[in-house]
Amino acid sequence: MKWIYIAACAAFFVKMLVPFEPAPELPFSIVDAIVQDSGVPNAVAGILFRNRLYDTILEVVVFTIAVGGAHFLLENEHPAATIRPITDPPAIIMARLGSTIAALVGIELALRGHLSPGGGFAAGVAGGTAIGLAAMTSPPERMAAAYERWRAAFWEKVSVGIFLLLAVMTLAGAELPRGDFGTLISGGILPVLNVLVAVKVALGSWAIVLTFIRHRGLL
């Protein structure tokens, strides 16, 4: 069997050495076409929420399954006996400062992700990082109480439902007014989808962090 692998690797290596014909030049710029079609300067956002919206829908669904999987994987385990948060004062100050910065970056990426590099997934990761850093320096009971008080699990499900509904409407051809190109309120439905994805990823990350802290004692 190993000779098959060796032959396959050799054939692949030879193929990489064989020159190939370059792709023909198009009479127009693909990036410019995407920007014009989506109505936002960030072509990546246009691709994620228009040209490849099917992929984005499945990515949101996969992350939702991951959040539920973490919960169901650990629900039968006994909670950790002791949870030791960070107690070093300089580390606490740096972690809370980093949490504040990450939260502000997340809000910026969510609101302006269609105008500059960024977007809903990056904003959600920044928000999840802020929550993780806050959890490292706060009593677990306080984080869990805040999660329940703000009904984070409910709003996570609401954001997913609204995202899927708007995504299906977009695929069906429904669009909002695009507004003035390059302004904050522009791009039709794209900014709304950005914010919904950011909320979903941030709240889902919060749920995962609480689950692992409760059952594994990990901060």
Protein backbone atom coordinates (compact mmCIF):
# COMPACT_ATOMS: atom_id res chain seq x y z
CA MET A 1 0.00 0.00 0.00
CA LYS A 2 2.85 2.37 0.75
CA TRP A 3 4.01 2.17 -2.89
CA ILE A 4 0.65 3.56 -3.97
CA TYR A 5 1.15 6.52 -1.63
CA ILE A 6 4.70 7.05 -2.88
CA ALA A 7 3.54 6.93 -6.52
CA ALA A 8 0.71 9.35 -5.80
CA CYS A 9 3.08 11.80 -4.08
CA ALA A 10 5.57 11.54 -6.94
CA ALA A 11 2.84 12.14 -9.52
CA PHE A 12 1.60 15.16 -7.57
CA PHE A 13 5.13 16.53 -7.32
CA VAL A 14 5.70 16.13 -11.07
CA LYS A 15 2.35 17.79 -11.76
CA MET A 16 3.37 20.79 -9.68
CA LEU A 17 6.52 21.18 -11.80
CA VAL A 18 4.65 21.14 -15.11
CA PRO A 19 3.86 24.70 -16.17
CA PHE A 20 0.21 25.49 -16.68
CA GLU A 21 -1.47 28.07 -18.83
CA PRO A 22 -2.50 31.18 -16.92
CA ALA A 23 -6.18 31.92 -16.64
CA PRO A 24 -7.46 34.27 -19.33
CA GLU A 25 -7.81 37.90 -18.34
CA LEU A 26 -11.37 39.04 -17.81
CA PRO A 27 -12.62 42.27 -19.37
CA PHE A 28 -13.70 43.46 -15.92
CA SER A 29 -12.46 43.36 -12.32
CA ILE A 30 -14.09 40.65 -10.22
CA VAL A 31 -13.60 42.70 -7.05
CA ASP A 32 -15.23 45.75 -8.62
CA ALA A 33 -18.13 43.61 -9.82
CA ILE A 34 -18.69 42.20 -6.31
CA VAL A 35 -18.51 45.66 -4.74
CA GLN A 36 -20.98 47.04 -7.26
CA ASP A 37 -23.32 44.07 -6.82
CA SER A 38 -23.29 44.14 -3.00
CA GLY A 39 -23.18 47.92 -2.54
CA VAL A 40 -20.46 47.83 0.15
CA PRO A 41 -16.72 48.61 -0.07
CA ASN A 42 -15.74 45.38 1.73
CA ALA A 43 -15.81 42.79 -1.05
CA VAL A 44 -15.32 39.97 1.46
CA ALA A 45 -18.58 40.91 3.19
CA GLY A 46 -20.27 40.95 -0.20
CA ILE A 47 -19.02 37.44 -0.92
CA LEU A 48 -20.02 36.05 2.49
CA PHE A 49 -23.51 37.51 2.58
CA ARG A 50 -24.42 37.47 -1.11
CA ASN A 51 -22.28 35.40 -3.46
CA ARG A 52 -21.67 32.59 -0.95
CA LEU A 53 -24.61 33.06 1.39
CA TYR A 54 -25.35 29.32 1.34
CA ASP A 55 -21.92 28.69 2.89
CA THR A 56 -22.45 31.38 5.52
CA ILE A 57 -25.80 29.89 6.52
CA LEU A 58 -24.18 26.49 7.04
CA GLU A 59 -21.30 28.05 8.99
CA VAL A 60 -23.81 29.60 11.40
CA VAL A 61 -25.61 26.27 11.71
CA VAL A 62 -22.32 24.43 12.36
CA PHE A 63 -21.39 26.86 15.13
CA THR A 64 -24.85 26.44 16.65
CA ILE A 65 -24.37 22.68 16.67
CA ALA A 66 -20.93 23.13 18.28
CA VAL A 67 -22.45 25.16 21.12
CA GLY A 68 -25.12 22.53 21.71
CA GLY A 69 -22.51 19.76 21.42
CA ALA A 70 -20.37 21.27 24.17
CA HIS A 71 -23.41 21.39 26.43
CA PHE A 72 -24.61 17.85 25.75
CA LEU A 73 -21.07 16.46 25.95
CA LEU A 74 -20.56 17.70 29.49
CA GLU A 75 -24.07 17.75 30.95
CA ASN A 76 -23.70 14.26 32.43
CA GLU A 77 -20.44 15.11 34.17
CA HIS A 78 -20.32 16.37 37.73
CA PRO A 79 -19.46 20.06 38.08
CA ALA A 80 -15.90 20.81 39.09
CA ALA A 81 -15.36 20.83 42.84
CA THR A 82 -13.17 23.93 42.85
CA ILE A 83 -12.73 26.74 40.36
CA ARG A 84 -9.79 29.01 40.92
CA PRO A 85 -9.91 32.34 39.09
CA ILE A 86 -6.90 34.53 38.52
CA THR A 87 -5.91 36.35 41.72
CA ASP A 88 -2.72 38.13 40.63
CA PRO A 89 -3.60 41.88 40.61
CA PRO A 90 -1.46 42.84 37.55
CA ALA A 91 -2.89 39.90 35.58
CA ILE A 92 -6.43 40.91 36.55
CA ILE A 93 -5.86 44.49 35.40
CA MET A 94 -4.36 43.38 32.08
CA ALA A 95 -7.12 40.83 31.46
CA ARG A 96 -9.89 43.34 32.18
CA LEU A 97 -8.20 45.96 30.02
CA GLY A 98 -7.91 43.41 27.22
CA SER A 99 -11.56 42.48 27.71
CA THR A 100 -12.63 46.11 27.33
CA ILE A 101 -10.53 46.59 24.21
CA ALA A 102 -11.79 43.33 22.67
CA ALA A 103 -15.40 44.33 23.37
CA LEU A 104 -14.93 47.73 21.70
CA VAL A 105 -13.22 46.11 18.72
CA GLY A 106 -16.08 43.63 18.44
CA ILE A 107 -18.67 46.42 18.35
CA GLU A 108 -16.64 48.29 15.73
CA LEU A 109 -16.28 45.20 13.54
CA ALA A 110 -19.98 44.40 13.81
CA LEU A 111 -21.20 47.88 12.93
CA ARG A 112 -18.59 48.76 10.28
CA GLY A 113 -17.62 45.33 8.98
CA HIS A 114 -19.26 46.07 5.62
CA LEU A 115 -17.15 49.20 5.16
CA SER A 116 -13.72 48.03 6.28
CA PRO A 117 -11.94 44.73 7.03
CA GLY A 118 -13.95 42.82 9.57
CA GLY A 119 -17.43 41.39 9.77
CA GLY A 120 -19.80 39.37 11.89
CA PHE A 121 -17.56 36.35 12.54
CA ALA A 122 -14.55 38.49 13.46
CA ALA A 123 -16.76 40.66 15.67
CA GLY A 124 -18.17 37.57 17.40
CA VAL A 125 -14.67 36.22 18.03
CA ALA A 126 -13.66 39.56 19.55
CA GLY A 127 -16.79 39.53 21.71
CA GLY A 128 -16.13 35.96 22.81
CA THR A 129 -12.56 36.91 23.69
CA ALA A 130 -13.84 39.78 25.82
CA ILE A 131 -16.21 37.41 27.64
CA GLY A 132 -13.46 34.83 28.15
CA LEU A 133 -11.09 37.40 29.64
CA ALA A 134 -13.85 38.67 31.93
CA ALA A 135 -14.57 35.12 33.06
CA MET A 136 -10.91 34.59 33.94
CA THR A 137 -11.01 37.43 36.47
CA SER A 138 -14.56 37.18 37.84
CA PRO A 139 -16.29 34.72 40.18
CA PRO A 140 -18.03 31.99 38.14
CA GLU A 141 -21.30 32.65 39.95
CA ARG A 142 -21.29 36.25 38.76
CA MET A 143 -20.76 35.27 35.12
CA ALA A 144 -23.49 32.63 35.31
CA ALA A 145 -25.88 35.08 36.97
CA ALA A 146 -25.20 37.67 34.27
CA TYR A 147 -25.81 35.03 31.58
CA GLU A 148 -29.21 34.26 33.09
CA ARG A 149 -30.10 37.87 33.84
CA TRP A 150 -29.46 39.03 30.29
CA ARG A 151 -31.18 35.91 28.89
CA ALA A 152 -28.20 35.27 26.65
CA ALA A 153 -29.38 31.80 25.61
CA PHE A 154 -32.72 33.24 24.45
CA TRP A 155 -31.14 36.05 22.45
CA GLU A 156 -28.68 33.64 20.87
CA LYS A 157 -31.57 31.56 19.52
CA VAL A 158 -33.41 34.69 18.40
CA SER A 159 -30.37 35.96 16.48
CA VAL A 160 -30.02 32.60 14.71
CA GLY A 161 -33.70 32.52 13.79
CA ILE A 162 -33.72 36.07 12.45
CA PHE A 163 -30.49 35.46 10.52
CA LEU A 164 -31.87 32.35 8.85
CA LEU A 165 -35.12 34.14 7.99
CA LEU A 166 -33.37 37.15 6.47
CA ALA A 167 -30.89 34.91 4.65
CA VAL A 168 -33.70 32.92 3.04
CA MET A 169 -35.44 36.15 2.06
CA THR A 170 -32.20 37.40 0.51
CA LEU A 171 -31.77 34.19 -1.45
CA ALA A 172 -35.37 34.57 -2.63
CA GLY A 173 -34.52 37.99 -4.07
CA ALA A 174 -35.85 40.34 -1.40
CA GLU A 175 -33.58 43.31 -0.67
CA LEU A 176 -33.55 46.42 1.45
CA PRO A 177 -32.66 49.87 0.06
CA ARG A 178 -28.87 50.04 -0.30
CA GLY A 179 -28.46 53.63 0.80
CA ASP A 180 -25.43 55.74 -0.05
CA PHE A 181 -22.32 53.76 -0.91
CA GLY A 182 -19.63 53.92 1.79
CA THR A 183 -21.91 55.19 4.56
CA LEU A 184 -22.76 53.34 7.76
CA ILE A 185 -26.36 52.69 6.67
CA SER A 186 -25.67 51.14 3.29
CA GLY A 187 -25.47 47.74 1.67
CA GLY A 188 -29.08 46.78 2.27
CA ILE A 189 -29.35 43.67 4.41
CA LEU A 190 -25.57 43.10 4.77
CA PRO A 191 -25.01 45.21 7.92
CA VAL A 192 -27.96 43.53 9.62
CA LEU A 193 -26.58 40.06 8.84
CA ASN A 194 -23.19 41.19 10.13
CA VAL A 195 -24.62 42.23 13.48
CA LEU A 196 -26.73 39.08 13.82
CA VAL A 197 -23.73 36.83 13.20
CA ALA A 198 -21.66 38.82 15.69
CA VAL A 199 -24.34 38.46 18.38
CA LYS A 200 -24.70 34.75 17.69
CA VAL A 201 -20.97 33.98 17.85
CA ALA A 202 -20.37 36.12 20.95
CA LEU A 203 -23.29 34.67 22.93
CA GLY A 204 -22.45 31.16 21.78
CA SER A 205 -18.88 31.64 22.96
CA TRP A 206 -20.24 32.81 26.32
CA ALA A 207 -22.26 29.60 26.65
CA ILE A 208 -19.23 27.45 25.81
CA VAL A 209 -17.02 29.30 28.31
CA LEU A 210 -19.57 28.85 31.11
CA THR A 211 -20.01 25.17 30.26
CA PHE A 212 -16.30 24.39 30.46
CA ILE A 213 -15.83 26.46 33.59
CA ARG A 214 -18.72 24.71 35.34
CA HIS A 215 -17.80 21.16 34.42
CA ARG A 216 -14.03 21.26 33.98
CA GLY A 217 -12.97 24.10 36.24
CA LEU A 218 -11.06 25.67 33.36
CA LEU A 219 -10.71 29.42 33.08
